[in-house]
Amino acid sequence: MTRLWNAVSFAEAQLQGLLGTAKTEAVKALASAHYGWDIPFSKVPSDMRKEFALHVSVVSLKRFTIARHPGKTDNVEQLKDRLQLVGSKLVELREHLTEGGLRA
């Protein structure tokens, strides 16, 4: 049971990490389009980062987020459901990104 719970928690964390990377890449693409060249993210003013974060290409990534479950559970069906949700969100995120979801 502990291994299943650990696997589900790891999968959820991986999805969140990939989603964070996708958001960062979307913001970097917007910055590049805005400034006309690749600009280091650290050089983008904070107000522009906030504006970019409100862009539809970044906001659209929110639909791939999942609610984190901080507590440990021994309910196998609940863990299976969570793992199934992570898997489906990963598939949807991959499709979104390969369809050009990061375009500015």
N, C-alpha and C. Protein backbone atom coordinates (compact mmCIF):
# COMPACT_ATOMS: atom_id res chain seq x y z
N MET A 1 0.81 -1.19 0.00
CA MET A 1 0.00 0.00 0.00
C MET A 1 0.87 1.27 0.00
N THR A 2 1.93 1.24 0.79
CA THR A 2 2.83 2.39 0.85
C THR A 2 3.47 2.66 -0.51
N ARG A 3 3.83 1.60 -1.22
CA ARG A 3 4.44 1.79 -2.55
C ARG A 3 3.45 2.42 -3.52
N LEU A 4 2.19 2.00 -3.47
CA LEU A 4 1.18 2.59 -4.34
C LEU A 4 0.98 4.07 -4.02
N TRP A 5 0.87 4.38 -2.72
CA TRP A 5 0.70 5.76 -2.32
C TRP A 5 1.90 6.60 -2.77
N ASN A 6 3.11 6.07 -2.60
CA ASN A 6 4.32 6.78 -3.03
C ASN A 6 4.31 6.99 -4.55
N ALA A 7 3.89 5.98 -5.29
CA ALA A 7 3.84 6.09 -6.75
C ALA A 7 2.85 7.16 -7.19
N VAL A 8 1.69 7.20 -6.56
CA VAL A 8 0.68 8.20 -6.90
C VAL A 8 1.20 9.60 -6.56
N SER A 9 1.79 9.75 -5.39
CA SER A 9 2.33 11.05 -4.98
C SER A 9 3.43 11.51 -5.93
N PHE A 10 4.29 10.59 -6.34
CA PHE A 10 5.36 10.91 -7.27
C PHE A 10 4.79 11.34 -8.62
N ALA A 11 3.79 10.61 -9.09
CA ALA A 11 3.16 10.95 -10.38
C ALA A 11 2.52 12.33 -10.33
N GLU A 12 1.84 12.63 -9.22
CA GLU A 12 1.23 13.96 -9.08
C GLU A 12 2.30 15.05 -9.08
N ALA A 13 3.39 14.81 -8.38
CA ALA A 13 4.47 15.79 -8.33
C ALA A 13 5.11 15.98 -9.71
N GLN A 14 5.26 14.89 -10.45
CA GLN A 14 5.83 14.98 -11.79
C GLN A 14 4.93 15.79 -12.71
N LEU A 15 3.62 15.57 -12.63
CA LEU A 15 2.69 16.33 -13.44
C LEU A 15 2.79 17.82 -13.11
N GLN A 16 2.84 18.14 -11.83
CA GLN A 16 2.96 19.54 -11.42
C GLN A 16 4.27 20.15 -11.92
N GLY A 17 5.34 19.37 -11.88
CA GLY A 17 6.62 19.85 -12.38
C GLY A 17 6.60 20.11 -13.88
N LEU A 18 6.01 19.20 -14.62
CA LEU A 18 5.89 19.38 -16.07
C LEU A 18 5.02 20.58 -16.40
N LEU A 19 3.96 20.74 -15.64
CA LEU A 19 3.08 21.87 -15.86
C LEU A 19 3.79 23.19 -15.56
N GLY A 20 4.59 23.20 -14.51
CA GLY A 20 5.38 24.39 -14.19
C GLY A 20 6.36 24.73 -15.30
N THR A 21 6.99 23.71 -15.85
CA THR A 21 7.92 23.92 -16.96
C THR A 21 7.19 24.45 -18.19
N ALA A 22 6.02 23.90 -18.47
CA ALA A 22 5.23 24.37 -19.62
C ALA A 22 4.83 25.82 -19.44
N LYS A 23 4.44 26.21 -18.23
CA LYS A 23 4.07 27.60 -17.97
C LYS A 23 5.27 28.52 -18.16
N THR A 24 6.42 28.11 -17.66
CA THR A 24 7.63 28.91 -17.81
C THR A 24 7.98 29.08 -19.29
N GLU A 25 7.88 28.00 -20.04
CA GLU A 25 8.18 28.08 -21.48
C GLU A 25 7.18 28.97 -22.20
N ALA A 26 5.91 28.92 -21.80
CA ALA A 26 4.90 29.78 -22.42
C ALA A 26 5.21 31.25 -22.15
N VAL A 27 5.59 31.56 -20.93
CA VAL A 27 5.93 32.94 -20.58
C VAL A 27 7.18 33.37 -21.33
N LYS A 28 8.17 32.49 -21.43
CA LYS A 28 9.40 32.83 -22.17
C LYS A 28 9.09 33.08 -23.64
N ALA A 29 8.17 32.30 -24.22
CA ALA A 29 7.79 32.50 -25.62
C ALA A 29 7.09 33.85 -25.80
N LEU A 30 6.25 34.20 -24.84
CA LEU A 30 5.59 35.51 -24.90
C LEU A 30 6.60 36.64 -24.78
N ALA A 31 7.56 36.49 -23.89
CA ALA A 31 8.59 37.52 -23.73
C ALA A 31 9.41 37.66 -25.00
N SER A 32 9.75 36.54 -25.60
CA SER A 32 10.52 36.57 -26.84
C SER A 32 9.74 37.26 -27.95
N ALA A 33 8.44 36.96 -28.04
CA ALA A 33 7.61 37.60 -29.05
C ALA A 33 7.47 39.10 -28.77
N HIS A 34 7.37 39.46 -27.52
CA HIS A 34 7.20 40.87 -27.14
C HIS A 34 8.47 41.68 -27.41
N TYR A 35 9.61 41.14 -27.03
CA TYR A 35 10.87 41.88 -27.17
C TYR A 35 11.55 41.67 -28.52
N GLY A 36 11.15 40.63 -29.24
CA GLY A 36 11.72 40.39 -30.56
C GLY A 36 12.95 39.51 -30.55
N TRP A 37 13.39 39.06 -29.41
CA TRP A 37 14.52 38.15 -29.30
C TRP A 37 14.39 37.38 -27.99
N ASP A 38 15.17 36.31 -27.88
CA ASP A 38 15.17 35.55 -26.64
C ASP A 38 15.81 36.39 -25.55
N ILE A 39 15.08 36.57 -24.48
CA ILE A 39 15.56 37.39 -23.38
C ILE A 39 15.62 36.52 -22.13
N PRO A 40 16.67 36.65 -21.34
CA PRO A 40 16.72 35.87 -20.11
C PRO A 40 15.51 36.21 -19.23
N PHE A 41 14.89 35.19 -18.69
CA PHE A 41 13.69 35.36 -17.89
C PHE A 41 13.93 36.32 -16.73
N SER A 42 15.12 36.30 -16.18
CA SER A 42 15.44 37.16 -15.04
C SER A 42 15.46 38.64 -15.44
N LYS A 43 15.60 38.93 -16.72
CA LYS A 43 15.64 40.31 -17.19
C LYS A 43 14.25 40.86 -17.51
N VAL A 44 13.23 40.00 -17.50
CA VAL A 44 11.88 40.46 -17.78
C VAL A 44 11.34 41.13 -16.51
N PRO A 45 10.90 42.38 -16.62
CA PRO A 45 10.37 43.07 -15.44
C PRO A 45 9.18 42.31 -14.84
N SER A 46 9.04 42.41 -13.53
CA SER A 46 7.99 41.65 -12.83
C SER A 46 6.60 42.01 -13.32
N ASP A 47 6.36 43.28 -13.67
CA ASP A 47 5.04 43.64 -14.17
C ASP A 47 4.75 42.98 -15.51
N MET A 48 5.78 42.83 -16.34
CA MET A 48 5.59 42.13 -17.62
C MET A 48 5.37 40.63 -17.39
N ARG A 49 6.06 40.05 -16.42
CA ARG A 49 5.84 38.63 -16.10
C ARG A 49 4.40 38.41 -15.68
N LYS A 50 3.88 39.32 -14.86
CA LYS A 50 2.48 39.21 -14.44
C LYS A 50 1.54 39.33 -15.63
N GLU A 51 1.84 40.25 -16.53
CA GLU A 51 1.01 40.41 -17.72
C GLU A 51 1.06 39.15 -18.59
N PHE A 52 2.26 38.62 -18.77
CA PHE A 52 2.40 37.40 -19.56
C PHE A 52 1.65 36.24 -18.91
N ALA A 53 1.67 36.19 -17.57
CA ALA A 53 1.00 35.10 -16.86
C ALA A 53 -0.51 35.14 -17.06
N LEU A 54 -1.05 36.29 -17.43
CA LEU A 54 -2.48 36.41 -17.69
C LEU A 54 -2.83 36.11 -19.14
N HIS A 55 -1.84 35.90 -19.97
CA HIS A 55 -2.07 35.61 -21.38
C HIS A 55 -2.81 34.28 -21.53
N VAL A 56 -3.65 34.19 -22.52
CA VAL A 56 -4.49 33.00 -22.72
C VAL A 56 -3.67 31.72 -22.86
N SER A 57 -2.49 31.80 -23.46
CA SER A 57 -1.68 30.59 -23.63
C SER A 57 -1.18 30.06 -22.31
N VAL A 58 -1.01 30.93 -21.32
CA VAL A 58 -0.59 30.50 -20.00
C VAL A 58 -1.80 30.08 -19.17
N VAL A 59 -2.86 30.87 -19.22
CA VAL A 59 -4.07 30.57 -18.47
C VAL A 59 -4.66 29.24 -18.92
N SER A 60 -4.54 28.93 -20.19
CA SER A 60 -5.11 27.67 -20.70
C SER A 60 -4.45 26.45 -20.05
N LEU A 61 -3.25 26.60 -19.52
CA LEU A 61 -2.56 25.47 -18.88
C LEU A 61 -3.18 25.12 -17.52
N LYS A 62 -3.97 26.02 -16.96
CA LYS A 62 -4.58 25.76 -15.65
C LYS A 62 -5.51 24.56 -15.68
N ARG A 63 -6.06 24.25 -16.83
CA ARG A 63 -7.00 23.12 -16.90
C ARG A 63 -6.31 21.78 -16.68
N PHE A 64 -4.99 21.77 -16.70
CA PHE A 64 -4.25 20.53 -16.49
C PHE A 64 -3.84 20.32 -15.04
N THR A 65 -4.14 21.28 -14.19
CA THR A 65 -3.77 21.13 -12.78
C THR A 65 -4.70 20.14 -12.08
N ILE A 66 -4.19 19.56 -11.03
CA ILE A 66 -4.98 18.64 -10.22
C ILE A 66 -4.86 19.06 -8.77
N ALA A 67 -5.87 18.72 -8.00
CA ALA A 67 -5.82 19.01 -6.57
C ALA A 67 -4.87 18.03 -5.90
N ARG A 68 -3.96 18.56 -5.13
CA ARG A 68 -3.01 17.71 -4.41
C ARG A 68 -3.69 17.16 -3.16
N HIS A 69 -3.38 15.94 -2.84
CA HIS A 69 -3.92 15.28 -1.65
C HIS A 69 -2.78 15.07 -0.66
N PRO A 70 -2.66 15.97 0.32
CA PRO A 70 -1.51 15.90 1.22
C PRO A 70 -1.54 14.71 2.17
N GLY A 71 -2.72 14.23 2.50
CA GLY A 71 -2.79 13.14 3.47
C GLY A 71 -2.59 11.78 2.85
N LYS A 72 -2.01 10.90 3.62
CA LYS A 72 -1.80 9.53 3.16
C LYS A 72 -3.09 8.75 3.35
N THR A 73 -3.39 7.89 2.41
CA THR A 73 -4.60 7.09 2.48
C THR A 73 -4.28 5.64 2.18
N ASP A 74 -5.10 4.76 2.72
CA ASP A 74 -4.98 3.33 2.42
C ASP A 74 -6.10 2.86 1.51
N ASN A 75 -6.87 3.79 0.98
CA ASN A 75 -7.99 3.45 0.10
C ASN A 75 -7.46 3.21 -1.32
N VAL A 76 -7.42 1.96 -1.70
CA VAL A 76 -6.85 1.58 -3.00
C VAL A 76 -7.63 2.20 -4.16
N GLU A 77 -8.94 2.20 -4.07
CA GLU A 77 -9.75 2.77 -5.16
C GLU A 77 -9.49 4.27 -5.32
N GLN A 78 -9.36 4.96 -4.21
CA GLN A 78 -9.06 6.39 -4.26
C GLN A 78 -7.69 6.63 -4.90
N LEU A 79 -6.73 5.83 -4.55
CA LEU A 79 -5.40 5.96 -5.15
C LEU A 79 -5.42 5.65 -6.64
N LYS A 80 -6.16 4.63 -7.03
CA LYS A 80 -6.28 4.29 -8.45
C LYS A 80 -6.93 5.44 -9.22
N ASP A 81 -7.96 6.03 -8.63
CA ASP A 81 -8.64 7.16 -9.28
C ASP A 81 -7.69 8.34 -9.45
N ARG A 82 -6.89 8.62 -8.42
CA ARG A 82 -5.93 9.72 -8.51
C ARG A 82 -4.89 9.43 -9.59
N LEU A 83 -4.41 8.20 -9.64
CA LEU A 83 -3.42 7.82 -10.65
C LEU A 83 -4.01 7.91 -12.05
N GLN A 84 -5.26 7.50 -12.20
CA GLN A 84 -5.95 7.60 -13.49
C GLN A 84 -6.08 9.06 -13.92
N LEU A 85 -6.40 9.94 -12.97
CA LEU A 85 -6.53 11.36 -13.26
C LEU A 85 -5.20 11.95 -13.72
N VAL A 86 -4.13 11.59 -13.03
CA VAL A 86 -2.80 12.07 -13.43
C VAL A 86 -2.48 11.61 -14.85
N GLY A 87 -2.73 10.34 -15.13
CA GLY A 87 -2.45 9.81 -16.46
C GLY A 87 -3.23 10.54 -17.55
N SER A 88 -4.51 10.81 -17.29
CA SER A 88 -5.31 11.49 -18.30
C SER A 88 -4.86 12.93 -18.49
N LYS A 89 -4.47 13.60 -17.40
CA LYS A 89 -3.99 14.97 -17.52
C LYS A 89 -2.66 15.03 -18.27
N LEU A 90 -1.80 14.03 -18.06
CA LEU A 90 -0.53 13.97 -18.81
C LEU A 90 -0.78 13.83 -20.31
N VAL A 91 -1.73 12.97 -20.66
CA VAL A 91 -2.06 12.78 -22.08
C VAL A 91 -2.60 14.09 -22.66
N GLU A 92 -3.52 14.74 -21.94
CA GLU A 92 -4.10 16.00 -22.42
C GLU A 92 -3.03 17.09 -22.54
N LEU A 93 -2.13 17.15 -21.56
CA LEU A 93 -1.07 18.15 -21.61
C LEU A 93 -0.15 17.91 -22.80
N ARG A 94 0.22 16.65 -23.03
CA ARG A 94 1.08 16.33 -24.18
C ARG A 94 0.39 16.74 -25.48
N GLU A 95 -0.89 16.44 -25.62
CA GLU A 95 -1.62 16.81 -26.83
C GLU A 95 -1.67 18.33 -27.00
N HIS A 96 -1.90 19.02 -25.91
CA HIS A 96 -1.95 20.49 -25.95
C HIS A 96 -0.63 21.07 -26.41
N LEU A 97 0.46 20.54 -25.86
CA LEU A 97 1.78 21.07 -26.20
C LEU A 97 2.19 20.71 -27.62
N THR A 98 1.84 19.53 -28.09
CA THR A 98 2.22 19.14 -29.46
C THR A 98 1.34 19.82 -30.49
N GLU A 99 0.18 20.32 -30.08
CA GLU A 99 -0.70 21.06 -31.01
C GLU A 99 -0.33 22.53 -31.06
N GLY A 100 0.76 22.90 -30.43
CA GLY A 100 1.20 24.29 -30.48
C GLY A 100 0.60 25.14 -29.39
N GLY A 101 0.29 24.55 -28.25
CA GLY A 101 -0.32 25.27 -27.15
C GLY A 101 0.56 26.33 -26.54
N LEU A 102 1.84 26.37 -26.91
CA LEU A 102 2.75 27.37 -26.33
C LEU A 102 2.97 28.56 -27.25
N ARG A 103 2.22 28.65 -28.30
CA ARG A 103 2.41 29.79 -29.21
C ARG A 103 1.99 31.09 -28.55
N ALA A 104 2.72 32.13 -28.86
CA ALA A 104 2.42 33.46 -28.29
C ALA A 104 1.22 34.08 -28.99
